[in-house]
């Protein structure tokens, strides 16, 4: 996957700051955090469903 160094992260943060402004930055960060949380939750549910399905197949 992608690996960002400290320099790249600073450049990305500055670009976001210029595009959206300092007042909207906390709102955007919260929305991004919620999105990541929902994505991880969905991925975990899919993983659990697959695990349950394979366990049911092993019992048969």
PDB file of N, CA and C in Angstrom:
ATOM      1  N   UNK A   1       0.836  -1.188   0.000  1.00  0.00           N
ATOM      2  CA  UNK A   1       0.000   0.000   0.000  1.00  0.00           C
ATOM      3  C   UNK A   1       0.872   1.238   0.000  1.00  0.00           C
ATOM      4  N   UNK A   2       0.195   2.365   0.084  1.00  0.00           N
ATOM      5  CA  UNK A   2       0.905   3.631   0.070  1.00  0.00           C
ATOM      6  C   UNK A   2       1.465   3.926   1.448  1.00  0.00           C
ATOM      7  N   UNK A   3       2.659   4.452   1.438  1.00  0.00           N
ATOM      8  CA  UNK A   3       3.268   4.883   2.694  1.00  0.00           C
ATOM      9  C   UNK A   3       3.640   6.346   2.548  1.00  0.00           C
ATOM     10  N   UNK A   4       3.080   7.150   3.421  1.00  0.00           N
ATOM     11  CA  UNK A   4       3.342   8.574   3.376  1.00  0.00           C
ATOM     12  C   UNK A   4       4.326   8.935   4.468  1.00  0.00           C
ATOM     13  N   UNK A   5       5.315   9.731   4.106  1.00  0.00           N
ATOM     14  CA  UNK A   5       6.251  10.254   5.084  1.00  0.00           C
ATOM     15  C   UNK A   5       5.698  11.526   5.695  1.00  0.00           C
ATOM     16  N   UNK A   6       6.438  12.080   6.623  1.00  0.00           N
ATOM     17  CA  UNK A   6       5.985  13.288   7.303  1.00  0.00           C
ATOM     18  C   UNK A   6       5.864  14.455   6.327  1.00  0.00           C
ATOM     19  N   UNK A   7       6.781  14.566   5.394  1.00  0.00           N
ATOM     20  CA  UNK A   7       6.730  15.653   4.414  1.00  0.00           C
ATOM     21  C   UNK A   7       5.485  15.600   3.555  1.00  0.00           C
ATOM     22  N   UNK A   8       5.132  14.401   3.085  1.00  0.00           N
ATOM     23  CA  UNK A   8       3.940  14.246   2.253  1.00  0.00           C
ATOM     24  C   UNK A   8       2.674  14.578   3.033  1.00  0.00           C
ATOM     25  N   UNK A   9       2.614  14.143   4.285  1.00  0.00           N
ATOM     26  CA  UNK A   9       1.437  14.433   5.109  1.00  0.00           C
ATOM     27  C   UNK A   9       1.269  15.932   5.343  1.00  0.00           C
ATOM     28  N   UNK A  10       2.371  16.630   5.534  1.00  0.00           N
ATOM     29  CA  UNK A  10       2.306  18.079   5.738  1.00  0.00           C
ATOM     30  C   UNK A  10       1.803  18.770   4.477  1.00  0.00           C
ATOM     31  N   UNK A  11       2.301  18.338   3.316  1.00  0.00           N
ATOM     32  CA  UNK A  11       1.853  18.930   2.051  1.00  0.00           C
ATOM     33  C   UNK A  11       0.361  18.678   1.850  1.00  0.00           C
ATOM     34  N   UNK A  12      -0.094  17.461   2.107  1.00  0.00           N
ATOM     35  CA  UNK A  12      -1.516  17.138   1.966  1.00  0.00           C
ATOM     36  C   UNK A  12      -2.348  17.985   2.919  1.00  0.00           C
ATOM     37  N   UNK A  13      -1.912  18.118   4.155  1.00  0.00           N
ATOM     38  CA  UNK A  13      -2.635  18.937   5.134  1.00  0.00           C
ATOM     39  C   UNK A  13      -2.712  20.392   4.695  1.00  0.00           C
ATOM     40  N   UNK A  14      -1.631  20.922   4.158  1.00  0.00           N
ATOM     41  CA  UNK A  14      -1.639  22.306   3.683  1.00  0.00           C
ATOM     42  C   UNK A  14      -2.593  22.491   2.506  1.00  0.00           C
ATOM     43  N   UNK A  15      -2.618  21.529   1.599  1.00  0.00           N
ATOM     44  CA  UNK A  15      -3.535  21.610   0.457  1.00  0.00           C
ATOM     45  C   UNK A  15      -4.982  21.588   0.939  1.00  0.00           C
ATOM     46  N   UNK A  16      -5.285  20.696   1.868  1.00  0.00           N
ATOM     47  CA  UNK A  16      -6.644  20.619   2.417  1.00  0.00           C
ATOM     48  C   UNK A  16      -6.999  21.920   3.126  1.00  0.00           C
ATOM     49  N   UNK A  17      -6.063  22.469   3.859  1.00  0.00           N
ATOM     50  CA  UNK A  17      -6.297  23.723   4.575  1.00  0.00           C
ATOM     51  C   UNK A  17      -6.591  24.859   3.606  1.00  0.00           C
ATOM     52  N   UNK A  18      -5.859  24.922   2.502  1.00  0.00           N
ATOM     53  CA  UNK A  18      -6.085  25.976   1.510  1.00  0.00           C
ATOM     54  C   UNK A  18      -7.427  25.781   0.816  1.00  0.00           C
ATOM     55  N   UNK A  19      -7.758  24.536   0.479  1.00  0.00           N
ATOM     56  CA  UNK A  19      -8.997  24.268  -0.250  1.00  0.00           C
ATOM     57  C   UNK A  19     -10.243  24.531   0.589  1.00  0.00           C
ATOM     58  N   UNK A  20     -10.237  24.102   1.834  1.00  0.00           N
ATOM     59  CA  UNK A  20     -11.446  24.153   2.642  1.00  0.00           C
ATOM     60  C   UNK A  20     -11.447  25.249   3.698  1.00  0.00           C
ATOM     61  N   UNK A  21     -10.317  25.751   4.063  1.00  0.00           N
ATOM     62  CA  UNK A  21     -10.250  26.793   5.078  1.00  0.00           C
ATOM     63  C   UNK A  21     -10.207  26.205   6.477  1.00  0.00           C
ATOM     64  N   UNK A  22      -9.720  27.008   7.400  1.00  0.00           N
ATOM     65  CA  UNK A  22      -9.528  26.538   8.775  1.00  0.00           C
ATOM     66  C   UNK A  22     -10.844  26.318   9.506  1.00  0.00           C
ATOM     67  N   UNK A  23     -11.895  27.023   9.116  1.00  0.00           N
ATOM     68  CA  UNK A  23     -13.156  26.897   9.853  1.00  0.00           C
ATOM     69  C   UNK A  23     -13.858  25.576   9.563  1.00  0.00           C
ATOM     70  N   UNK A  24     -13.708  25.048   8.357  1.00  0.00           N
ATOM     71  CA  UNK A  24     -14.394  23.800   7.999  1.00  0.00           C
ATOM     72  C   UNK A  24     -13.532  22.569   8.254  1.00  0.00           C
ATOM     73  N   UNK A  25     -12.264  22.761   8.572  1.00  0.00           N
ATOM     74  CA  UNK A  25     -11.352  21.632   8.753  1.00  0.00           C
ATOM     75  C   UNK A  25     -11.800  20.666   9.849  1.00  0.00           C
ATOM     76  N   UNK A  26     -12.216  21.121  11.042  1.00  0.00           N
ATOM     77  CA  UNK A  26     -12.682  20.174  12.066  1.00  0.00           C
ATOM     78  C   UNK A  26     -13.909  19.376  11.628  1.00  0.00           C
ATOM     79  N   UNK A  27     -14.813  20.039  10.922  1.00  0.00           N
ATOM     80  CA  UNK A  27     -16.014  19.362  10.427  1.00  0.00           C
ATOM     81  C   UNK A  27     -15.644  18.263   9.424  1.00  0.00           C
ATOM     82  N   UNK A  28     -14.720  18.560   8.556  1.00  0.00           N
ATOM     83  CA  UNK A  28     -14.275  17.581   7.560  1.00  0.00           C
ATOM     84  C   UNK A  28     -13.563  16.418   8.245  1.00  0.00           C
ATOM     85  N   UNK A  29     -12.742  16.718   9.240  1.00  0.00           N
ATOM     86  CA  UNK A  29     -12.028  15.665   9.967  1.00  0.00           C
ATOM     87  C   UNK A  29     -13.006  14.737  10.688  1.00  0.00           C
ATOM     88  N   UNK A  30     -14.050  15.308  11.292  1.00  0.00           N
ATOM     89  CA  UNK A  30     -15.061  14.484  11.964  1.00  0.00           C
ATOM     90  C   UNK A  30     -15.775  13.578  10.971  1.00  0.00           C
ATOM     91  N   UNK A  31     -16.152  14.134   9.840  1.00  0.00           N
ATOM     92  CA  UNK A  31     -16.846  13.345   8.819  1.00  0.00           C
ATOM     93  C   UNK A  31     -15.948  12.232   8.294  1.00  0.00           C
ATOM     94  N   UNK A  32     -14.683  12.529   8.102  1.00  0.00           N
ATOM     95  CA  UNK A  32     -13.740  11.509   7.643  1.00  0.00           C
ATOM     96  C   UNK A  32     -13.580  10.413   8.691  1.00  0.00           C
ATOM     97  N   UNK A  33     -13.496  10.788   9.957  1.00  0.00           N
ATOM     98  CA  UNK A  33     -13.394   9.810  11.031  1.00  0.00           C
ATOM     99  C   UNK A  33     -14.609   8.905  11.103  1.00  0.00           C
ATOM    100  N   UNK A  34     -15.795   9.500  10.959  1.00  0.00           N
ATOM    101  CA  UNK A  34     -17.024   8.691  10.962  1.00  0.00           C
ATOM    102  C   UNK A  34     -17.049   7.734   9.779  1.00  0.00           C
ATOM    103  N   UNK A  35     -16.614   8.214   8.627  1.00  0.00           N
ATOM    104  CA  UNK A  35     -16.603   7.367   7.428  1.00  0.00           C
ATOM    105  C   UNK A  35     -15.660   6.184   7.601  1.00  0.00           C
ATOM    106  N   UNK A  36     -14.494   6.443   8.141  1.00  0.00           N
ATOM    107  CA  UNK A  36     -13.529   5.364   8.374  1.00  0.00           C
ATOM    108  C   UNK A  36     -14.092   4.364   9.372  1.00  0.00           C
ATOM    109  N   UNK A  37     -14.743   4.854  10.422  1.00  0.00           N
ATOM    110  CA  UNK A  37     -15.340   3.973  11.431  1.00  0.00           C
ATOM    111  C   UNK A  37     -16.408   3.084  10.807  1.00  0.00           C
ATOM    112  N   UNK A  38     -17.279   3.664   9.977  1.00  0.00           N
ATOM    113  CA  UNK A  38     -18.330   2.886   9.313  1.00  0.00           C
ATOM    114  C   UNK A  38     -17.734   1.863   8.349  1.00  0.00           C
ATOM    115  N   UNK A  39     -16.696   2.249   7.642  1.00  0.00           N
ATOM    116  CA  UNK A  39     -16.047   1.325   6.715  1.00  0.00           C
ATOM    117  C   UNK A  39     -15.462   0.133   7.466  1.00  0.00           C
ATOM    118  N   UNK A  40     -14.771   0.401   8.564  1.00  0.00           N
ATOM    119  CA  UNK A  40     -14.193  -0.683   9.362  1.00  0.00           C
ATOM    120  C   UNK A  40     -15.283  -1.578   9.939  1.00  0.00           C
ATOM    121  N   UNK A  41     -16.384  -0.983  10.378  1.00  0.00           N
ATOM    122  CA  UNK A  41     -17.498  -1.758  10.924  1.00  0.00           C
ATOM    123  C   UNK A  41     -18.084  -2.673   9.853  1.00  0.00           C
ATOM    124  N   UNK A  42     -18.284  -2.143   8.652  1.00  0.00           N
ATOM    125  CA  UNK A  42     -18.810  -2.945   7.551  1.00  0.00           C
ATOM    126  C   UNK A  42     -17.863  -4.065   7.168  1.00  0.00           C
ATOM    127  N   UNK A  43     -16.575  -3.774   7.129  1.00  0.00           N
ATOM    128  CA  UNK A  43     -15.589  -4.795   6.790  1.00  0.00           C
ATOM    129  C   UNK A  43     -15.573  -5.902   7.841  1.00  0.00           C
ATOM    130  N   UNK A  44     -15.713  -5.532   9.118  1.00  0.00           N
ATOM    131  CA  UNK A  44     -15.731  -6.530  10.188  1.00  0.00           C
ATOM    132  C   UNK A  44     -16.972  -7.407  10.080  1.00  0.00           C
ATOM    133  N   UNK A  45     -18.116  -6.793   9.759  1.00  0.00           N
ATOM    134  CA  UNK A  45     -19.352  -7.570   9.617  1.00  0.00           C
ATOM    135  C   UNK A  45     -19.239  -8.571   8.473  1.00  0.00           C
ATOM    136  N   UNK A  46     -18.668  -8.149   7.366  1.00  0.00           N
ATOM    137  CA  UNK A  46     -18.485  -9.063   6.231  1.00  0.00           C
ATOM    138  C   UNK A  46     -17.545 -10.197   6.615  1.00  0.00           C
ATOM    139  N   UNK A  47     -16.473  -9.860   7.302  1.00  0.00           N
ATOM    140  CA  UNK A  47     -15.510 -10.875   7.734  1.00  0.00           C
ATOM    141  C   UNK A  47     -16.178 -11.877   8.677  1.00  0.00           C
ATOM    142  N   UNK A  48     -16.989 -11.368   9.611  1.00  0.00           N
ATOM    143  CA  UNK A  48     -17.690 -12.252  10.545  1.00  0.00           C
ATOM    144  C   UNK A  48     -18.699 -13.143   9.821  1.00  0.00           C
ATOM    145  N   UNK A  49     -19.403 -12.586   8.826  1.00  0.00           N
ATOM    146  CA  UNK A  49     -20.359 -13.382   8.047  1.00  0.00           C
ATOM    147  C   UNK A  49     -19.660 -14.511   7.304  1.00  0.00           C
ATOM    148  N   UNK A  50     -18.521 -14.209   6.728  1.00  0.00           N
ATOM    149  CA  UNK A  50     -17.764 -15.239   6.007  1.00  0.00           C
ATOM    150  C   UNK A  50     -17.284 -16.311   6.976  1.00  0.00           C
ATOM    151  N   UNK A  51     -16.816 -15.878   8.142  1.00  0.00           N
ATOM    152  CA  UNK A  51     -16.339 -16.834   9.140  1.00  0.00           C
ATOM    153  C   UNK A  51     -17.478 -17.740   9.605  1.00  0.00           C
ATOM    154  N   UNK A  52     -18.660 -17.151   9.836  1.00  0.00           N
ATOM    155  CA  UNK A  52     -19.822 -17.942  10.255  1.00  0.00           C
ATOM    156  C   UNK A  52     -20.230 -18.932   9.175  1.00  0.00           C
ATOM    157  N   UNK A  53     -20.203 -18.497   7.926  1.00  0.00           N
ATOM    158  CA  UNK A  53     -20.592 -19.376   6.822  1.00  0.00           C
ATOM    159  C   UNK A  53     -19.623 -20.544   6.685  1.00  0.00           C
ATOM    160  N   UNK A  54     -18.342 -20.293   6.858  1.00  0.00           N
ATOM    161  CA  UNK A  54     -17.373 -21.385   6.748  1.00  0.00           C
ATOM    162  C   UNK A  54     -17.495 -22.338   7.927  1.00  0.00           C
ATOM    163  N   UNK A  55     -17.822 -21.808   9.106  1.00  0.00           N
ATOM    164  CA  UNK A  55     -18.014 -22.681  10.265  1.00  0.00           C
ATOM    165  C   UNK A  55     -19.239 -23.572  10.081  1.00  0.00           C
ATOM    166  N   UNK A  56     -20.300 -23.040   9.473  1.00  0.00           N
ATOM    167  CA  UNK A  56     -21.495 -23.845   9.215  1.00  0.00           C
ATOM    168  C   UNK A  56     -21.201 -24.950   8.208  1.00  0.00           C
ATOM    169  N   UNK A  57     -20.384 -24.650   7.214  1.00  0.00           N
ATOM    170  CA  UNK A  57     -20.026 -25.652   6.207  1.00  0.00           C
ATOM    171  C   UNK A  57     -19.188 -26.767   6.831  1.00  0.00           C
ATOM    172  N   UNK A  58     -18.331 -26.422   7.776  1.00  0.00           N
ATOM    173  CA  UNK A  58     -17.493 -27.431   8.424  1.00  0.00           C
ATOM    174  C   UNK A  58     -18.327 -28.370   9.283  1.00  0.00           C
ATOM    175  N   UNK A  59     -19.430 -27.866   9.861  1.00  0.00           N
ATOM    176  CA  UNK A  59     -20.279 -28.691  10.714  1.00  0.00           C
ATOM    177  C   UNK A  59     -21.049 -29.723   9.911  1.00  0.00           C
ATOM    178  N   UNK A  60     -21.310 -29.452   8.641  1.00  0.00           N
ATOM    179  CA  UNK A  60     -22.114 -30.361   7.815  1.00  0.00           C
ATOM    180  C   UNK A  60     -21.344 -31.532   7.363  1.00  0.00           C
TER     181      UNK A  60
END
